[in-house]
């Protein structure tokens, strides 16, 4: 699920399978030159599918996107290695 919080600020709900928390809120800030993703979800297929689907719907170019991880728990940083690019 995607929710527009403010202009160019979106929340993507990322499921957290087998977790009592049920989901994580990942935030996307869209800008003309670079985008920012705040927290990513676990390194699991369900999380990756939800993230990729949300980014496609928002037309986010992952090659023009940076990441901000709020803290070092697997549900917040797990997908960074799958999403980060060399560019």
PDB file of N, CA and C in Angstrom:
ATOM      1  N   UNK A   1       0.837  -1.175   0.000  1.00  0.00           N
ATOM      2  CA  UNK A   1       0.000   0.000   0.000  1.00  0.00           C
ATOM      3  C   UNK A   1       0.890   1.249   0.000  1.00  0.00           C
ATOM      4  N   UNK A   2       0.530   2.202  -0.830  1.00  0.00           N
ATOM      5  CA  UNK A   2       1.251   3.474  -0.911  1.00  0.00           C
ATOM      6  C   UNK A   2       0.328   4.576  -0.424  1.00  0.00           C
ATOM      7  N   UNK A   3       0.879   5.473   0.366  1.00  0.00           N
ATOM      8  CA  UNK A   3       0.114   6.623   0.855  1.00  0.00           C
ATOM      9  C   UNK A   3       0.948   7.879   0.639  1.00  0.00           C
ATOM     10  N   UNK A   4       0.344   8.885   0.051  1.00  0.00           N
ATOM     11  CA  UNK A   4       1.031  10.173  -0.086  1.00  0.00           C
ATOM     12  C   UNK A   4       0.845  10.944   1.212  1.00  0.00           C
ATOM     13  N   UNK A   5       1.956  11.254   1.877  1.00  0.00           N
ATOM     14  CA  UNK A   5       1.931  11.966   3.153  1.00  0.00           C
ATOM     15  C   UNK A   5       1.884  13.476   2.908  1.00  0.00           C
ATOM     16  N   UNK A   6       2.786  13.932   2.098  1.00  0.00           N
ATOM     17  CA  UNK A   6       2.883  15.317   1.640  1.00  0.00           C
ATOM     18  C   UNK A   6       3.284  15.269   0.171  1.00  0.00           C
ATOM     19  N   UNK A   7       3.338  16.400  -0.459  1.00  0.00           N
ATOM     20  CA  UNK A   7       3.790  16.431  -1.854  1.00  0.00           C
ATOM     21  C   UNK A   7       5.209  15.851  -1.925  1.00  0.00           C
ATOM     22  N   UNK A   8       5.389  14.828  -2.750  1.00  0.00           N
ATOM     23  CA  UNK A   8       6.670  14.144  -2.974  1.00  0.00           C
ATOM     24  C   UNK A   8       7.189  13.345  -1.776  1.00  0.00           C
ATOM     25  N   UNK A   9       6.360  13.099  -0.774  1.00  0.00           N
ATOM     26  CA  UNK A   9       6.705  12.246   0.368  1.00  0.00           C
ATOM     27  C   UNK A   9       5.658  11.143   0.452  1.00  0.00           C
ATOM     28  N   UNK A  10       6.124   9.891   0.324  1.00  0.00           N
ATOM     29  CA  UNK A  10       5.229   8.744   0.255  1.00  0.00           C
ATOM     30  C   UNK A  10       5.620   7.698   1.290  1.00  0.00           C
ATOM     31  N   UNK A  11       4.617   6.970   1.755  1.00  0.00           N
ATOM     32  CA  UNK A  11       4.840   5.832   2.638  1.00  0.00           C
ATOM     33  C   UNK A  11       4.500   4.574   1.861  1.00  0.00           C
ATOM     34  N   UNK A  12       5.427   3.604   1.860  1.00  0.00           N
ATOM     35  CA  UNK A  12       5.163   2.284   1.301  1.00  0.00           C
ATOM     36  C   UNK A  12       5.126   1.308   2.464  1.00  0.00           C
ATOM     37  N   UNK A  13       4.022   0.620   2.614  1.00  0.00           N
ATOM     38  CA  UNK A  13       3.901  -0.374   3.681  1.00  0.00           C
ATOM     39  C   UNK A  13       4.546  -1.674   3.200  1.00  0.00           C
ATOM     40  N   UNK A  14       5.566  -2.110   3.921  1.00  0.00           N
ATOM     41  CA  UNK A  14       6.311  -3.318   3.581  1.00  0.00           C
ATOM     42  C   UNK A  14       5.934  -4.414   4.584  1.00  0.00           C
ATOM     43  N   UNK A  15       5.422  -5.556   4.108  1.00  0.00           N
ATOM     44  CA  UNK A  15       5.042  -6.621   5.044  1.00  0.00           C
ATOM     45  C   UNK A  15       6.271  -7.201   5.747  1.00  0.00           C
ATOM     46  N   UNK A  16       6.079  -7.601   6.978  1.00  0.00           N
ATOM     47  CA  UNK A  16       7.138  -8.262   7.749  1.00  0.00           C
ATOM     48  C   UNK A  16       6.651  -9.664   8.103  1.00  0.00           C
ATOM     49  N   UNK A  17       6.883 -10.624   7.209  1.00  0.00           N
ATOM     50  CA  UNK A  17       6.408 -11.989   7.431  1.00  0.00           C
ATOM     51  C   UNK A  17       6.952 -12.583   8.732  1.00  0.00           C
ATOM     52  N   UNK A  18       6.094 -13.306   9.418  1.00  0.00           N
ATOM     53  CA  UNK A  18       6.463 -13.998  10.654  1.00  0.00           C
ATOM     54  C   UNK A  18       6.927 -13.056  11.762  1.00  0.00           C
ATOM     55  N   UNK A  19       6.495 -11.811  11.700  1.00  0.00           N
ATOM     56  CA  UNK A  19       6.840 -10.833  12.733  1.00  0.00           C
ATOM     57  C   UNK A  19       5.554 -10.331  13.387  1.00  0.00           C
ATOM     58  N   UNK A  20       5.559 -10.173  14.702  1.00  0.00           N
ATOM     59  CA  UNK A  20       4.363  -9.628  15.361  1.00  0.00           C
ATOM     60  C   UNK A  20       4.084  -8.177  14.954  1.00  0.00           C
ATOM     61  N   UNK A  21       5.084  -7.502  14.374  1.00  0.00           N
ATOM     62  CA  UNK A  21       4.889  -6.118  13.944  1.00  0.00           C
ATOM     63  C   UNK A  21       4.028  -6.018  12.681  1.00  0.00           C
ATOM     64  N   UNK A  22       3.965  -7.078  11.897  1.00  0.00           N
ATOM     65  CA  UNK A  22       3.153  -7.191  10.678  1.00  0.00           C
ATOM     66  C   UNK A  22       3.696  -6.401   9.485  1.00  0.00           C
ATOM     67  N   UNK A  23       4.157  -5.150   9.680  1.00  0.00           N
ATOM     68  CA  UNK A  23       4.649  -4.358   8.547  1.00  0.00           C
ATOM     69  C   UNK A  23       5.594  -3.257   9.030  1.00  0.00           C
ATOM     70  N   UNK A  24       6.322  -2.725   8.068  1.00  0.00           N
ATOM     71  CA  UNK A  24       7.248  -1.615   8.314  1.00  0.00           C
ATOM     72  C   UNK A  24       6.849  -0.484   7.381  1.00  0.00           C
ATOM     73  N   UNK A  25       6.953   0.734   7.841  1.00  0.00           N
ATOM     74  CA  UNK A  25       6.705   1.885   6.989  1.00  0.00           C
ATOM     75  C   UNK A  25       8.023   2.344   6.391  1.00  0.00           C
ATOM     76  N   UNK A  26       8.116   2.231   5.084  1.00  0.00           N
ATOM     77  CA  UNK A  26       9.258   2.742   4.347  1.00  0.00           C
ATOM     78  C   UNK A  26       8.804   4.050   3.723  1.00  0.00           C
ATOM     79  N   UNK A  27       9.648   5.065   3.770  1.00  0.00           N
ATOM     80  CA  UNK A  27       9.281   6.369   3.221  1.00  0.00           C
ATOM     81  C   UNK A  27      10.136   6.682   2.005  1.00  0.00           C
ATOM     82  N   UNK A  28       9.521   7.304   1.024  1.00  0.00           N
ATOM     83  CA  UNK A  28      10.206   7.697  -0.202  1.00  0.00           C
ATOM     84  C   UNK A  28      10.005   9.195  -0.387  1.00  0.00           C
ATOM     85  N   UNK A  29      11.117   9.889  -0.532  1.00  0.00           N
ATOM     86  CA  UNK A  29      11.077  11.310  -0.864  1.00  0.00           C
ATOM     87  C   UNK A  29      11.537  11.433  -2.309  1.00  0.00           C
ATOM     88  N   UNK A  30      10.642  11.914  -3.150  1.00  0.00           N
ATOM     89  CA  UNK A  30      10.964  12.079  -4.563  1.00  0.00           C
ATOM     90  C   UNK A  30      11.448  13.504  -4.817  1.00  0.00           C
ATOM     91  N   UNK A  31      12.502  13.613  -5.603  1.00  0.00           N
ATOM     92  CA  UNK A  31      13.031  14.917  -5.984  1.00  0.00           C
ATOM     93  C   UNK A  31      13.489  14.850  -7.434  1.00  0.00           C
ATOM     94  N   UNK A  32      13.752  15.986  -8.009  1.00  0.00           N
ATOM     95  CA  UNK A  32      14.100  16.033  -9.423  1.00  0.00           C
ATOM     96  C   UNK A  32      15.416  15.316  -9.725  1.00  0.00           C
ATOM     97  N   UNK A  33      16.458  15.538  -8.915  1.00  0.00           N
ATOM     98  CA  UNK A  33      17.772  14.958  -9.195  1.00  0.00           C
ATOM     99  C   UNK A  33      18.027  13.635  -8.493  1.00  0.00           C
ATOM    100  N   UNK A  34      17.642  13.517  -7.220  1.00  0.00           N
ATOM    101  CA  UNK A  34      17.874  12.301  -6.444  1.00  0.00           C
ATOM    102  C   UNK A  34      16.642  12.033  -5.594  1.00  0.00           C
ATOM    103  N   UNK A  35      16.401  10.763  -5.321  1.00  0.00           N
ATOM    104  CA  UNK A  35      15.326  10.345  -4.431  1.00  0.00           C
ATOM    105  C   UNK A  35      15.958   9.797  -3.157  1.00  0.00           C
ATOM    106  N   UNK A  36      15.142   9.636  -2.127  1.00  0.00           N
ATOM    107  CA  UNK A  36      15.619   9.080  -0.865  1.00  0.00           C
ATOM    108  C   UNK A  36      14.616   8.051  -0.371  1.00  0.00           C
ATOM    109  N   UNK A  37      15.120   6.870  -0.013  1.00  0.00           N
ATOM    110  CA  UNK A  37      14.301   5.845   0.630  1.00  0.00           C
ATOM    111  C   UNK A  37      14.750   5.749   2.079  1.00  0.00           C
ATOM    112  N   UNK A  38      13.799   5.837   2.989  1.00  0.00           N
ATOM    113  CA  UNK A  38      14.076   5.730   4.419  1.00  0.00           C
ATOM    114  C   UNK A  38      13.562   4.372   4.885  1.00  0.00           C
ATOM    115  N   UNK A  39      14.488   3.502   5.257  1.00  0.00           N
ATOM    116  CA  UNK A  39      14.220   2.128   5.695  1.00  0.00           C
ATOM    117  C   UNK A  39      13.651   1.287   4.554  1.00  0.00           C
ATOM    118  N   UNK A  40      13.978  -0.019   4.573  1.00  0.00           N
ATOM    119  CA  UNK A  40      13.668  -0.848   3.411  1.00  0.00           C
ATOM    120  C   UNK A  40      12.838  -2.091   3.683  1.00  0.00           C
ATOM    121  N   UNK A  41      12.878  -2.630   4.872  1.00  0.00           N
ATOM    122  CA  UNK A  41      12.233  -3.910   5.145  1.00  0.00           C
ATOM    123  C   UNK A  41      13.256  -5.031   5.169  1.00  0.00           C
ATOM    124  N   UNK A  42      12.796  -6.214   5.527  1.00  0.00           N
ATOM    125  CA  UNK A  42      13.678  -7.386   5.647  1.00  0.00           C
ATOM    126  C   UNK A  42      14.159  -7.868   4.275  1.00  0.00           C
ATOM    127  N   UNK A  43      15.243  -8.606   4.287  1.00  0.00           N
ATOM    128  CA  UNK A  43      15.767  -9.209   3.071  1.00  0.00           C
ATOM    129  C   UNK A  43      14.995 -10.502   2.799  1.00  0.00           C
ATOM    130  N   UNK A  44      13.751 -10.322   2.389  1.00  0.00           N
ATOM    131  CA  UNK A  44      12.863 -11.453   2.078  1.00  0.00           C
ATOM    132  C   UNK A  44      12.126 -11.136   0.793  1.00  0.00           C
ATOM    133  N   UNK A  45      11.742 -12.167   0.091  1.00  0.00           N
ATOM    134  CA  UNK A  45      11.075 -11.996  -1.200  1.00  0.00           C
ATOM    135  C   UNK A  45       9.802 -11.152  -1.089  1.00  0.00           C
ATOM    136  N   UNK A  46       9.009 -11.389  -0.036  1.00  0.00           N
ATOM    137  CA  UNK A  46       7.768 -10.637   0.146  1.00  0.00           C
ATOM    138  C   UNK A  46       8.036  -9.146   0.303  1.00  0.00           C
ATOM    139  N   UNK A  47       9.084  -8.815   1.037  1.00  0.00           N
ATOM    140  CA  UNK A  47       9.459  -7.410   1.242  1.00  0.00           C
ATOM    141  C   UNK A  47       9.957  -6.792  -0.053  1.00  0.00           C
ATOM    142  N   UNK A  48      10.806  -7.516  -0.760  1.00  0.00           N
ATOM    143  CA  UNK A  48      11.343  -7.012  -2.021  1.00  0.00           C
ATOM    144  C   UNK A  48      10.225  -6.781  -3.033  1.00  0.00           C
ATOM    145  N   UNK A  49       9.296  -7.718  -3.130  1.00  0.00           N
ATOM    146  CA  UNK A  49       8.178  -7.556  -4.066  1.00  0.00           C
ATOM    147  C   UNK A  49       7.347  -6.319  -3.745  1.00  0.00           C
ATOM    148  N   UNK A  50       7.062  -6.092  -2.471  1.00  0.00           N
ATOM    149  CA  UNK A  50       6.278  -4.923  -2.072  1.00  0.00           C
ATOM    150  C   UNK A  50       7.038  -3.635  -2.369  1.00  0.00           C
ATOM    151  N   UNK A  51       8.334  -3.630  -2.083  1.00  0.00           N
ATOM    152  CA  UNK A  51       9.141  -2.436  -2.333  1.00  0.00           C
ATOM    153  C   UNK A  51       9.226  -2.137  -3.826  1.00  0.00           C
ATOM    154  N   UNK A  52       9.557  -3.132  -4.633  1.00  0.00           N
ATOM    155  CA  UNK A  52       9.684  -2.930  -6.083  1.00  0.00           C
ATOM    156  C   UNK A  52       8.350  -2.474  -6.671  1.00  0.00           C
ATOM    157  N   UNK A  53       7.268  -3.086  -6.243  1.00  0.00           N
ATOM    158  CA  UNK A  53       5.943  -2.690  -6.723  1.00  0.00           C
ATOM    159  C   UNK A  53       5.652  -1.231  -6.384  1.00  0.00           C
ATOM    160  N   UNK A  54       5.937  -0.839  -5.148  1.00  0.00           N
ATOM    161  CA  UNK A  54       5.716   0.546  -4.730  1.00  0.00           C
ATOM    162  C   UNK A  54       6.576   1.528  -5.501  1.00  0.00           C
ATOM    163  N   UNK A  55       7.839   1.191  -5.691  1.00  0.00           N
ATOM    164  CA  UNK A  55       8.744   2.089  -6.415  1.00  0.00           C
ATOM    165  C   UNK A  55       8.322   2.233  -7.875  1.00  0.00           C
ATOM    166  N   UNK A  56       7.838   1.158  -8.477  1.00  0.00           N
ATOM    167  CA  UNK A  56       7.342   1.228  -9.862  1.00  0.00           C
ATOM    168  C   UNK A  56       6.129   2.149  -9.953  1.00  0.00           C
ATOM    169  N   UNK A  57       5.193   1.981  -9.016  1.00  0.00           N
ATOM    170  CA  UNK A  57       3.986   2.819  -9.019  1.00  0.00           C
ATOM    171  C   UNK A  57       4.331   4.292  -8.839  1.00  0.00           C
ATOM    172  N   UNK A  58       5.391   4.563  -8.092  1.00  0.00           N
ATOM    173  CA  UNK A  58       5.815   5.946  -7.871  1.00  0.00           C
ATOM    174  C   UNK A  58       6.782   6.440  -8.948  1.00  0.00           C
ATOM    175  N   UNK A  59       7.138   5.568  -9.884  1.00  0.00           N
ATOM    176  CA  UNK A  59       8.080   5.900 -10.967  1.00  0.00           C
ATOM    177  C   UNK A  59       9.420   6.390 -10.409  1.00  0.00           C
ATOM    178  N   UNK A  60       9.929   5.668  -9.410  1.00  0.00           N
ATOM    179  CA  UNK A  60      11.216   6.004  -8.795  1.00  0.00           C
ATOM    180  C   UNK A  60      12.326   5.279  -9.548  1.00  0.00           C
ATOM    181  N   UNK A  61      13.305   6.048 -10.002  1.00  0.00           N
ATOM    182  CA  UNK A  61      14.487   5.480 -10.660  1.00  0.00           C
ATOM    183  C   UNK A  61      15.486   5.102  -9.562  1.00  0.00           C
ATOM    184  N   UNK A  62      15.649   3.819  -9.333  1.00  0.00           N
ATOM    185  CA  UNK A  62      16.509   3.346  -8.245  1.00  0.00           C
ATOM    186  C   UNK A  62      17.959   3.777  -8.436  1.00  0.00           C
ATOM    187  N   UNK A  63      18.364   4.014  -9.678  1.00  0.00           N
ATOM    188  CA  UNK A  63      19.735   4.463  -9.952  1.00  0.00           C
ATOM    189  C   UNK A  63      19.955   5.910  -9.531  1.00  0.00           C
ATOM    190  N   UNK A  64      18.879   6.610  -9.246  1.00  0.00           N
ATOM    191  CA  UNK A  64      18.958   8.004  -8.785  1.00  0.00           C
ATOM    192  C   UNK A  64      18.388   8.105  -7.371  1.00  0.00           C
ATOM    193  N   UNK A  65      18.674   7.071  -6.574  1.00  0.00           N
ATOM    194  CA  UNK A  65      18.084   6.986  -5.239  1.00  0.00           C
ATOM    195  C   UNK A  65      19.142   6.663  -4.195  1.00  0.00           C
ATOM    196  N   UNK A  66      19.052   7.367  -3.072  1.00  0.00           N
ATOM    197  CA  UNK A  66      19.922   7.126  -1.921  1.00  0.00           C
ATOM    198  C   UNK A  66      19.084   6.503  -0.812  1.00  0.00           C
ATOM    199  N   UNK A  67      19.768   5.995   0.212  1.00  0.00           N
ATOM    200  CA  UNK A  67      19.102   5.317   1.319  1.00  0.00           C
ATOM    201  C   UNK A  67      19.499   5.955   2.644  1.00  0.00           C
ATOM    202  N   UNK A  68      18.518   6.063   3.522  1.00  0.00           N
ATOM    203  CA  UNK A  68      18.764   6.477   4.901  1.00  0.00           C
ATOM    204  C   UNK A  68      18.162   5.393   5.781  1.00  0.00           C
ATOM    205  N   UNK A  69      18.995   4.771   6.587  1.00  0.00           N
ATOM    206  CA  UNK A  69      18.552   3.698   7.468  1.00  0.00           C
ATOM    207  C   UNK A  69      18.523   4.243   8.895  1.00  0.00           C
ATOM    208  N   UNK A  70      17.360   4.171   9.530  1.00  0.00           N
ATOM    209  CA  UNK A  70      17.205   4.789  10.845  1.00  0.00           C
ATOM    210  C   UNK A  70      17.968   4.073  11.942  1.00  0.00           C
ATOM    211  N   UNK A  71      18.085   2.748  11.829  1.00  0.00           N
ATOM    212  CA  UNK A  71      18.876   1.987  12.792  1.00  0.00           C
ATOM    213  C   UNK A  71      19.151   0.597  12.241  1.00  0.00           C
ATOM    214  N   UNK A  72      20.060  -0.112  12.891  1.00  0.00           N
ATOM    215  CA  UNK A  72      20.594  -1.350  12.343  1.00  0.00           C
ATOM    216  C   UNK A  72      19.838  -2.601  12.793  1.00  0.00           C
ATOM    217  N   UNK A  73      18.562  -2.659  12.472  1.00  0.00           N
ATOM    218  CA  UNK A  73      17.776  -3.869  12.656  1.00  0.00           C
ATOM    219  C   UNK A  73      17.434  -4.405  11.273  1.00  0.00           C
ATOM    220  N   UNK A  74      17.369  -5.718  11.147  1.00  0.00           N
ATOM    221  CA  UNK A  74      17.168  -6.337   9.828  1.00  0.00           C
ATOM    222  C   UNK A  74      15.873  -5.896   9.145  1.00  0.00           C
ATOM    223  N   UNK A  75      14.854  -5.536   9.909  1.00  0.00           N
ATOM    224  CA  UNK A  75      13.609  -5.089   9.284  1.00  0.00           C
ATOM    225  C   UNK A  75      13.719  -3.673   8.720  1.00  0.00           C
ATOM    226  N   UNK A  76      14.785  -2.967   9.055  1.00  0.00           N
ATOM    227  CA  UNK A  76      14.982  -1.601   8.554  1.00  0.00           C
ATOM    228  C   UNK A  76      16.026  -1.527   7.445  1.00  0.00           C
ATOM    229  N   UNK A  77      16.982  -2.443   7.433  1.00  0.00           N
ATOM    230  CA  UNK A  77      18.064  -2.349   6.440  1.00  0.00           C
ATOM    231  C   UNK A  77      18.216  -3.559   5.543  1.00  0.00           C
ATOM    232  N   UNK A  78      17.390  -4.553   5.710  1.00  0.00           N
ATOM    233  CA  UNK A  78      17.580  -5.825   5.022  1.00  0.00           C
ATOM    234  C   UNK A  78      17.654  -5.773   3.507  1.00  0.00           C
ATOM    235  N   UNK A  79      16.916  -4.875   2.870  1.00  0.00           N
ATOM    236  CA  UNK A  79      16.877  -4.843   1.409  1.00  0.00           C
ATOM    237  C   UNK A  79      17.906  -3.909   0.767  1.00  0.00           C
ATOM    238  N   UNK A  80      18.677  -3.205   1.553  1.00  0.00           N
ATOM    239  CA  UNK A  80      19.621  -2.250   0.970  1.00  0.00           C
ATOM    240  C   UNK A  80      20.542  -2.921  -0.041  1.00  0.00           C
ATOM    241  N   UNK A  81      21.066  -4.081   0.285  1.00  0.00           N
ATOM    242  CA  UNK A  81      21.996  -4.746  -0.643  1.00  0.00           C
ATOM    243  C   UNK A  81      21.305  -5.165  -1.937  1.00  0.00           C
ATOM    244  N   UNK A  82      20.029  -5.427  -1.902  1.00  0.00           N
ATOM    245  CA  UNK A  82      19.293  -5.794  -3.114  1.00  0.00           C
ATOM    246  C   UNK A  82      18.896  -4.573  -3.953  1.00  0.00           C
ATOM    247  N   UNK A  83      18.729  -3.433  -3.307  1.00  0.00           N
ATOM    248  CA  UNK A  83      18.249  -2.238  -4.002  1.00  0.00           C
ATOM    249  C   UNK A  83      19.363  -1.300  -4.452  1.00  0.00           C
ATOM    250  N   UNK A  84      20.451  -1.261  -3.703  1.00  0.00           N
ATOM    251  CA  UNK A  84      21.540  -0.321  -4.017  1.00  0.00           C
ATOM    252  C   UNK A  84      22.180  -0.659  -5.354  1.00  0.00           C
ATOM    253  N   UNK A  85      22.576   0.378  -6.073  1.00  0.00           N
ATOM    254  CA  UNK A  85      23.240   0.204  -7.359  1.00  0.00           C
ATOM    255  C   UNK A  85      24.646   0.798  -7.292  1.00  0.00           C
ATOM    256  N   UNK A  86      25.448   0.525  -8.295  1.00  0.00           N
ATOM    257  CA  UNK A  86      26.801   1.048  -8.363  1.00  0.00           C
ATOM    258  C   UNK A  86      26.851   2.506  -8.811  1.00  0.00           C
ATOM    259  N   UNK A  87      25.750   3.004  -9.302  1.00  0.00           N
ATOM    260  CA  UNK A  87      25.708   4.375  -9.829  1.00  0.00           C
ATOM    261  C   UNK A  87      25.265   5.327  -8.756  1.00  0.00           C
TER     262      UNK A  87
END
